[in-house]
Amino acid sequence: MLWYSLLFALPLAHAACFRVPPDHDDSVEKRLPTAWYQPDDHPVHALFKRGPLTDGTNYPQVGTPTWSSAYPSFSPDVNALPRQWVAALDAAVAAGKIPDIPQSTNTPGTNPVYPQGHNPNGPEVCSATYKCRIPGDIWDAPDNYFGVSFDDGPTPASPRLLQFLEGHNQTATHFMIGINILENPQLFLDIFDAGHDIAVHTWTHPYMTTLTNLEIVAQLGWTSELIRNSTGGRVPRYWRPPYGDSDMRVFGLETVIWNHDTEDWSLTSNGTTLQIIHNSFVEWLSGPKTPGIITLEHELSDLSVDAFMDAWTLIGAAGWKTASLASIIGDGTYQNSDDSDSPVTVDGIIAGAIVPVQQSSSNTPALAGQTMVAPVSALSTKIMFALYLPPPSFEY
């Protein structure tokens, strides 16, 4: 079965199988990953330049024109989506697997608004923007933990953040924007090669609930494809919706929100100050360690990096454990690779990558003039988008 046939097998706006994060026993310490890949002198690097263990596909070198030409240069054109993605979406809609919730609307700087009669806090919609928690979505870290994560990378501010994290032997989860990866390939590789966790933050950072179903597929599909094709075949498990904007209709990977917002994105526009963020951290870190802390922070500017560097000392002094967020909230950073000791499998992953290939008379391109779907093997049903699952039950 091809991956686009399973495009709708795990939720992007709510977690796979609506899994409730497991209880964490304080007496059991989960091993934190130190790297995703084998050391540079490992023999596998002679086989795969992007090694460690890969899925065996010979991907284009990151940063080359061949690599970048397979993807939209900005906002994805839904009329140019791979036809298999569209067919999979059509099948899911026909089967009634996507809730019939109207798109929201908004103006810049305002929360999305739903049509009259649709309660954003009700079980039909359950908008994360309005703090409604869909069962299985991840809002909290395990007890005693501060989950380290950053949004919007890679950007020119990323190297300084990376240097600081490396200096403190700390990895983080980076929720990356597809277009930023495309524009900053070396920064992406620097973060990946340093052993950090890569997750999805959409292609162009839109309000997701304002989009059509096809536009949602484009935002999440292209970003996941780019990450997969740039990391030796690793399929992201997690995504974070821009502005925290998701609801019951938005589908895809396991959704990660936050329980504390630094508003550091507004540092450059005088929306907040370093002192205000400092004071917020003092308050948050001095509180109970149940649940753990997930903050909304960004690698967006030098000021946002300054805010995290200032908070770092406070986090340790308050007795919090720190770990890359993806390493403590579930079953591994990727759907097809648990950690640096595990191979990249082809069972349960996107195995039909959209990659540039040489056209021939026997090939029919998936995207006219650019790409086609590479041959794939049979896959399990544990894949990227999950719409064949019943809606979660709500308790009031």
Protein backbone atom coordinates (compact mmCIF):
# COMPACT_ATOMS: atom_id res chain seq x y z
CA MET A 1 0.00 0.00 0.00
CA LEU A 2 1.44 3.39 -0.97
CA TRP A 3 1.97 6.09 1.62
CA TYR A 4 -0.52 8.46 0.08
CA SER A 5 -3.18 5.77 0.56
CA LEU A 6 -2.32 5.99 4.26
CA LEU A 7 -2.06 9.74 4.27
CA PHE A 8 -5.02 9.83 6.57
CA ALA A 9 -4.07 7.18 9.10
CA LEU A 10 -2.79 9.28 12.09
CA PRO A 11 -4.08 12.70 13.22
CA LEU A 12 -2.11 15.89 12.65
CA ALA A 13 -4.36 18.08 14.69
CA HIS A 14 -4.82 15.48 17.38
CA ALA A 15 -2.61 12.63 18.46
CA ALA A 16 -2.30 9.25 16.81
CA CYS A 17 -5.06 6.96 18.00
CA PHE A 18 -5.92 9.83 20.33
CA ARG A 19 -3.30 8.35 22.62
CA VAL A 20 -3.28 9.71 26.13
CA PRO A 21 0.33 10.32 27.21
CA PRO A 22 1.45 7.51 29.52
CA ASP A 23 1.90 7.95 33.24
CA HIS A 24 5.51 8.55 34.20
CA ASP A 25 6.85 6.83 37.28
CA ASP A 26 9.46 9.03 38.92
CA SER A 27 11.47 5.91 39.75
CA VAL A 28 11.92 5.10 36.07
CA GLU A 29 14.18 7.34 34.04
CA LYS A 30 13.72 7.28 30.27
CA ARG A 31 17.07 7.32 28.49
CA LEU A 32 17.45 10.60 26.70
CA PRO A 33 18.85 10.52 23.17
CA THR A 34 22.35 11.82 22.60
CA ALA A 35 22.31 11.56 18.81
CA TRP A 36 20.15 10.32 15.97
CA TYR A 37 22.98 8.86 14.00
CA GLN A 38 26.15 6.80 14.14
CA PRO A 39 29.54 8.43 14.81
CA ASP A 40 31.34 9.89 11.81
CA ASP A 41 33.75 6.94 11.66
CA HIS A 42 30.98 4.34 11.51
CA PRO A 43 31.12 2.21 8.30
CA VAL A 44 27.59 3.14 7.36
CA HIS A 45 28.76 6.62 6.40
CA ALA A 46 30.59 5.05 3.47
CA LEU A 47 27.22 3.92 2.15
CA PHE A 48 24.97 6.87 2.93
CA LYS A 49 26.28 10.39 3.01
CA ARG A 50 23.34 11.46 5.13
CA GLY A 51 23.84 8.29 7.19
CA PRO A 52 23.60 6.91 10.04
CA LEU A 53 21.00 4.30 9.43
CA THR A 54 18.66 5.38 6.67
CA ASP A 55 15.73 3.84 4.83
CA GLY A 56 18.04 2.97 1.94
CA THR A 57 16.83 5.67 -0.45
CA ASN A 58 19.44 7.73 -2.25
CA TYR A 59 18.11 11.19 -1.45
CA PRO A 60 19.32 14.37 -3.17
CA GLN A 61 21.99 16.20 -1.20
CA VAL A 62 20.46 18.81 1.08
CA GLY A 63 20.91 22.31 -0.27
CA THR A 64 21.36 21.40 -3.92
CA PRO A 65 19.02 22.57 -6.70
CA THR A 66 17.93 18.98 -7.21
CA TRP A 67 16.88 18.82 -3.56
CA SER A 68 15.01 22.13 -3.50
CA SER A 69 13.29 21.87 -6.88
CA ALA A 70 10.84 19.24 -5.63
CA TYR A 71 9.07 21.65 -3.28
CA PRO A 72 6.91 24.78 -3.44
CA SER A 73 8.94 27.99 -3.31
CA PHE A 74 6.31 29.60 -1.10
CA SER A 75 2.60 28.97 -0.43
CA PRO A 76 1.73 25.55 -1.86
CA ASP A 77 -0.55 25.48 -4.88
CA VAL A 78 -3.31 22.96 -4.15
CA ASN A 79 -3.76 22.49 -7.90
CA ALA A 80 -0.21 21.12 -8.07
CA LEU A 81 -0.46 18.59 -5.25
CA PRO A 82 0.59 15.02 -6.04
CA ARG A 83 -2.52 13.36 -7.37
CA GLN A 84 -2.19 10.50 -4.89
CA TRP A 85 -2.52 12.92 -1.97
CA VAL A 86 -5.69 14.35 -3.46
CA ALA A 87 -7.14 10.90 -4.09
CA ALA A 88 -6.45 9.88 -0.50
CA LEU A 89 -8.13 13.02 0.81
CA ASP A 90 -11.14 12.49 -1.44
CA ALA A 91 -11.51 8.93 -0.18
CA ALA A 92 -11.37 10.05 3.44
CA VAL A 93 -13.97 12.76 2.85
CA ALA A 94 -16.25 10.33 1.01
CA ALA A 95 -15.95 7.89 3.90
CA GLY A 96 -17.02 10.58 6.36
CA LYS A 97 -13.74 10.44 8.23
CA ILE A 98 -13.15 14.20 8.28
CA PRO A 99 -15.53 16.12 10.58
CA ASP A 100 -17.79 18.51 8.70
CA ILE A 101 -16.65 21.63 10.54
CA PRO A 102 -16.63 24.97 8.72
CA GLN A 103 -13.38 26.85 8.26
CA SER A 104 -12.76 29.64 10.71
CA THR A 105 -11.98 33.20 9.62
CA ASN A 106 -9.71 35.80 11.10
CA THR A 107 -7.96 39.07 10.48
CA PRO A 108 -4.26 39.49 11.28
CA GLY A 109 -3.60 39.63 15.00
CA THR A 110 -6.97 38.21 16.02
CA ASN A 111 -8.15 34.75 17.04
CA PRO A 112 -10.02 32.73 14.42
CA VAL A 113 -13.80 33.00 14.61
CA TYR A 114 -16.27 30.26 13.73
CA PRO A 115 -19.67 30.79 12.09
CA GLN A 116 -22.62 31.31 14.40
CA GLY A 117 -23.83 28.07 15.91
CA HIS A 118 -20.38 26.48 16.12
CA ASN A 119 -18.98 26.62 19.65
CA PRO A 120 -15.15 26.59 19.60
CA ASN A 121 -15.14 25.03 23.08
CA GLY A 122 -17.67 22.34 22.24
CA PRO A 123 -16.83 18.74 21.28
CA GLU A 124 -17.73 19.33 17.63
CA VAL A 125 -15.02 21.95 17.12
CA CYS A 126 -12.75 21.90 20.20
CA SER A 127 -10.40 24.68 19.14
CA ALA A 128 -6.98 24.72 20.79
CA THR A 129 -6.95 28.48 20.26
CA TYR A 130 -9.80 28.63 22.77
CA LYS A 131 -7.93 26.24 25.13
CA CYS A 132 -10.15 23.26 24.36
CA ARG A 133 -8.07 20.10 24.76
CA ILE A 134 -8.71 17.27 22.33
CA PRO A 135 -7.98 13.97 24.11
CA GLY A 136 -4.50 12.83 23.19
CA ASP A 137 -3.15 16.24 22.23
CA ILE A 138 -0.03 17.06 24.23
CA TRP A 139 -0.16 20.20 26.37
CA ASP A 140 1.94 19.18 29.38
CA ALA A 141 5.34 17.63 29.94
CA PRO A 142 5.79 14.70 32.33
CA ASP A 143 5.99 15.65 36.00
CA ASN A 144 9.26 17.32 37.06
CA TYR A 145 10.34 17.94 33.45
CA PHE A 146 10.90 21.11 31.47
CA GLY A 147 10.56 20.07 27.84
CA VAL A 148 12.94 22.11 25.69
CA SER A 149 11.55 23.16 22.31
CA PHE A 150 11.63 26.04 19.85
CA ASP A 151 9.46 27.14 16.94
CA ASP A 152 10.04 28.77 13.54
CA GLY A 153 13.53 27.58 12.72
CA PRO A 154 15.86 27.46 11.07
CA THR A 155 16.64 31.20 11.07
CA PRO A 156 19.75 33.38 11.37
CA ALA A 157 19.21 33.26 15.15
CA SER A 158 19.57 29.46 15.19
CA PRO A 159 23.42 29.21 15.28
CA ARG A 160 23.67 31.17 18.51
CA LEU A 161 20.97 29.06 20.12
CA LEU A 162 22.64 25.90 18.87
CA GLN A 163 25.97 26.97 20.30
CA PHE A 164 24.39 27.65 23.69
CA LEU A 165 22.60 24.30 23.76
CA GLU A 166 25.75 22.42 22.76
CA GLY A 167 27.67 24.26 25.47
CA HIS A 168 25.24 22.91 28.04
CA ASN A 169 24.97 19.40 26.55
CA GLN A 170 21.28 19.93 25.91
CA THR A 171 19.22 18.81 22.94
CA ALA A 172 15.89 20.37 21.96
CA THR A 173 12.92 19.76 19.73
CA HIS A 174 12.79 22.16 16.80
CA PHE A 175 9.36 22.68 15.25
CA MET A 176 10.47 23.81 11.81
CA ILE A 177 8.78 25.76 9.03
CA GLY A 178 9.21 24.08 5.65
CA ILE A 179 10.01 27.24 3.73
CA ASN A 180 12.66 28.14 6.33
CA ILE A 181 14.35 24.77 5.85
CA LEU A 182 14.31 25.35 2.10
CA GLU A 183 15.89 28.79 2.50
CA ASN A 184 18.41 27.81 5.19
CA PRO A 185 19.58 24.28 4.34
CA GLN A 186 22.96 24.54 6.08
CA LEU A 187 21.38 25.79 9.30
CA PHE A 188 18.98 22.85 9.12
CA LEU A 189 21.88 20.44 8.74
CA ASP A 190 23.75 22.06 11.62
CA ILE A 191 20.77 21.45 13.91
CA PHE A 192 20.19 17.92 12.62
CA ASP A 193 23.85 16.95 12.80
CA ALA A 194 24.03 18.21 16.40
CA GLY A 195 21.51 15.55 17.38
CA HIS A 196 18.43 17.67 17.88
CA ASP A 197 14.88 16.49 17.28
CA ILE A 198 13.05 17.77 14.19
CA ALA A 199 9.27 18.26 14.13
CA VAL A 200 6.73 19.96 11.85
CA HIS A 201 5.54 23.57 12.09
CA THR A 202 3.83 23.69 8.64
CA TRP A 203 5.13 25.04 5.35
CA THR A 204 4.34 28.77 5.65
CA HIS A 205 2.96 29.22 9.20
CA PRO A 206 -0.75 29.87 8.52
CA TYR A 207 -3.76 29.72 10.83
CA MET A 208 -4.61 26.10 10.11
CA THR A 209 -8.32 26.20 10.94
CA THR A 210 -8.84 28.87 8.27
CA LEU A 211 -7.60 26.51 5.54
CA THR A 212 -9.42 24.08 3.29
CA ASN A 213 -8.74 20.37 3.62
CA LEU A 214 -6.51 20.46 0.54
CA GLU A 215 -4.53 23.37 1.96
CA ILE A 216 -4.03 21.45 5.21
CA VAL A 217 -2.69 18.46 3.27
CA ALA A 218 -0.30 20.76 1.41
CA GLN A 219 1.03 22.49 4.55
CA LEU A 220 1.67 19.28 6.42
CA GLY A 221 2.49 16.96 3.55
CA TRP A 222 5.23 19.09 2.01
CA THR A 223 6.87 19.85 5.36
CA SER A 224 6.90 16.20 6.37
CA GLU A 225 8.24 15.20 2.96
CA LEU A 226 11.04 17.75 3.15
CA ILE A 227 12.09 16.60 6.61
CA ARG A 228 11.96 12.96 5.56
CA ASN A 229 14.00 13.56 2.43
CA SER A 230 16.58 15.60 4.37
CA THR A 231 17.20 13.24 7.31
CA GLY A 232 17.80 9.89 5.71
CA GLY A 233 14.13 8.93 5.66
CA ARG A 234 13.01 9.90 9.16
CA VAL A 235 9.27 10.61 9.28
CA PRO A 236 8.26 13.21 11.89
CA ARG A 237 5.92 12.07 14.62
CA TYR A 238 5.03 15.49 16.06
CA TRP A 239 3.76 18.82 14.83
CA ARG A 240 2.86 22.12 16.48
CA PRO A 241 0.14 24.25 14.88
CA PRO A 242 1.13 27.88 14.29
CA TYR A 243 -0.53 30.11 16.89
CA GLY A 244 -1.77 26.91 18.52
CA ASP A 245 -4.59 26.96 15.97
CA SER A 246 -6.08 23.50 15.46
CA ASP A 247 -9.46 21.84 15.92
CA MET A 248 -11.26 18.55 15.29
CA ARG A 249 -11.08 19.02 11.50
CA VAL A 250 -7.36 19.70 11.22
CA PHE A 251 -5.73 16.30 10.78
CA GLY A 252 -2.25 14.88 10.88
CA LEU A 253 0.64 14.03 13.18
CA GLU A 254 0.62 14.02 16.97
CA THR A 255 -0.22 17.53 18.10
CA VAL A 256 1.92 19.38 20.64
CA ILE A 257 0.69 22.66 22.16
CA TRP A 258 2.08 24.31 25.33
CA ASN A 259 1.03 25.24 28.85
CA HIS A 260 3.06 28.45 29.17
CA ASP A 261 3.51 31.18 26.54
CA THR A 262 6.53 33.46 26.78
CA GLU A 263 5.30 35.67 23.92
CA ASP A 264 8.98 36.01 23.00
CA TRP A 265 8.03 36.35 19.34
CA SER A 266 6.93 39.91 20.15
CA LEU A 267 10.24 41.00 21.67
CA THR A 268 11.27 42.69 18.43
CA SER A 269 8.01 44.66 18.23
CA ASN A 270 7.93 45.79 21.87
CA GLY A 271 5.06 43.45 22.66
CA THR A 272 6.99 42.16 25.67
CA THR A 273 10.39 42.61 27.28
CA LEU A 274 13.16 40.37 28.53
CA GLN A 275 12.33 41.40 32.09
CA ILE A 276 8.67 40.43 31.71
CA ILE A 277 9.68 37.02 30.35
CA HIS A 278 12.19 36.62 33.18
CA ASN A 279 9.50 37.36 35.75
CA SER A 280 7.15 34.88 34.08
CA PHE A 281 9.75 32.14 34.28
CA VAL A 282 10.37 32.87 37.96
CA GLU A 283 6.64 32.42 38.60
CA TRP A 284 6.22 29.28 36.46
CA LEU A 285 9.33 27.52 37.75
CA SER A 286 8.53 28.16 41.40
CA GLY A 287 5.16 26.45 41.08
CA PRO A 288 4.22 22.77 41.37
CA LYS A 289 6.14 20.29 39.24
CA THR A 290 2.90 18.57 38.27
CA PRO A 291 2.38 18.73 35.37
CA GLY A 292 5.70 19.42 33.72
CA ILE A 293 6.31 22.55 31.69
CA ILE A 294 6.04 23.04 27.95
CA THR A 295 6.77 26.61 26.92
CA LEU A 296 6.16 28.37 23.64
CA GLU A 297 9.57 29.74 22.66
CA HIS A 298 11.13 30.66 19.35
CA GLU A 299 14.48 30.65 17.59
CA LEU A 300 13.25 33.72 15.78
CA SER A 301 15.57 36.52 16.90
CA ASP A 302 18.61 37.19 19.04
CA LEU A 303 16.26 38.59 21.68
CA SER A 304 14.24 35.37 21.86
CA VAL A 305 17.48 33.43 22.22
CA ASP A 306 18.51 35.84 24.99
CA ALA A 307 15.26 35.11 26.79
CA PHE A 308 15.92 31.36 26.79
CA MET A 309 19.54 31.79 27.85
CA ASP A 310 18.40 33.89 30.78
CA ALA A 311 15.77 31.31 31.75
CA TRP A 312 18.21 28.42 31.57
CA THR A 313 19.86 29.25 34.89
CA LEU A 314 16.45 29.64 36.54
CA ILE A 315 15.28 26.23 35.28
CA GLY A 316 18.18 24.36 36.85
CA ALA A 317 18.14 26.36 40.05
CA ALA A 318 14.47 25.51 40.56
CA GLY A 319 15.20 21.80 40.40
CA TRP A 320 13.58 20.98 37.07
CA LYS A 321 14.88 18.19 34.85
CA THR A 322 15.44 19.24 31.24
CA ALA A 323 15.09 17.16 28.08
CA SER A 324 14.26 17.61 24.44
CA LEU A 325 10.48 17.71 24.42
CA ALA A 326 10.05 14.94 21.83
CA SER A 327 12.14 12.55 23.92
CA ILE A 328 9.79 12.60 26.92
CA ILE A 329 6.25 12.86 25.56
CA GLY A 330 5.78 9.68 23.56
CA ASP A 331 7.22 6.76 21.68
CA GLY A 332 10.16 8.36 19.89
CA THR A 333 10.81 11.41 17.79
CA TYR A 334 9.94 9.70 14.52
CA GLN A 335 7.33 7.28 13.33
CA ASN A 336 9.99 5.00 11.91
CA SER A 337 13.07 5.48 14.09
CA ASP A 338 13.01 5.40 17.87
CA ASP A 339 16.48 6.72 18.66
CA SER A 340 20.10 6.69 17.61
CA ASP A 341 20.35 2.92 18.20
CA SER A 342 17.41 2.01 15.94
CA PRO A 343 17.32 1.66 12.17
CA VAL A 344 15.00 3.64 9.93
CA THR A 345 12.28 1.20 8.95
CA VAL A 346 9.94 1.21 5.96
CA ASP A 347 7.05 -0.36 7.86
CA GLY A 348 4.69 2.32 9.04
CA ILE A 349 6.29 5.29 7.33
CA ILE A 350 5.92 7.46 4.29
CA ALA A 351 7.89 5.33 1.88
CA GLY A 352 6.72 6.93 -1.37
CA ALA A 353 8.65 10.16 -1.21
CA ILE A 354 8.09 12.89 -3.75
CA VAL A 355 11.66 13.27 -5.02
CA PRO A 356 13.08 14.65 -8.25
CA VAL A 357 13.76 11.90 -10.77
CA GLN A 358 14.93 11.68 -14.34
CA GLN A 359 11.92 11.74 -16.65
CA SER A 360 11.56 9.06 -19.32
CA SER A 361 8.91 8.00 -21.79
CA SER A 362 7.74 5.30 -19.38
CA ASN A 363 7.37 7.64 -16.42
CA THR A 364 4.35 9.76 -15.62
CA PRO A 365 5.26 12.68 -13.35
CA ALA A 366 3.22 13.30 -10.21
CA LEU A 367 3.97 16.99 -10.57
CA ALA A 368 4.20 17.89 -14.22
CA GLY A 369 7.72 18.76 -15.29
CA GLN A 370 9.24 18.34 -11.84
CA THR A 371 8.70 15.18 -9.86
CA MET A 372 7.18 11.76 -9.73
CA VAL A 373 6.37 9.24 -7.05
CA ALA A 374 9.20 6.82 -6.41
CA PRO A 375 8.37 3.10 -6.20
CA VAL A 376 7.45 1.99 -2.70
CA SER A 377 7.02 -1.18 -0.71
CA ALA A 378 4.04 -2.37 1.31
CA LEU A 379 3.41 -0.40 4.48
CA SER A 380 1.52 -0.86 7.70
CA THR A 381 -1.34 1.42 8.69
CA LYS A 382 0.66 3.37 11.25
CA ILE A 383 1.34 6.36 9.03
CA MET A 384 1.11 10.05 8.96
CA PHE A 385 -2.48 11.22 8.99
CA ALA A 386 -5.24 9.39 10.89
CA LEU A 387 -8.75 9.93 9.81
CA TYR A 388 -9.97 6.38 9.90
CA LEU A 389 -10.31 6.57 13.68
CA PRO A 390 -13.54 7.40 15.51
CA PRO A 391 -13.69 10.84 17.11
CA PRO A 392 -12.50 10.97 20.72
CA SER A 393 -15.02 10.96 23.53
CA PHE A 394 -15.33 14.02 25.72
CA GLU A 395 -16.04 14.18 29.42
CA TYR A 396 -17.73 17.17 31.02
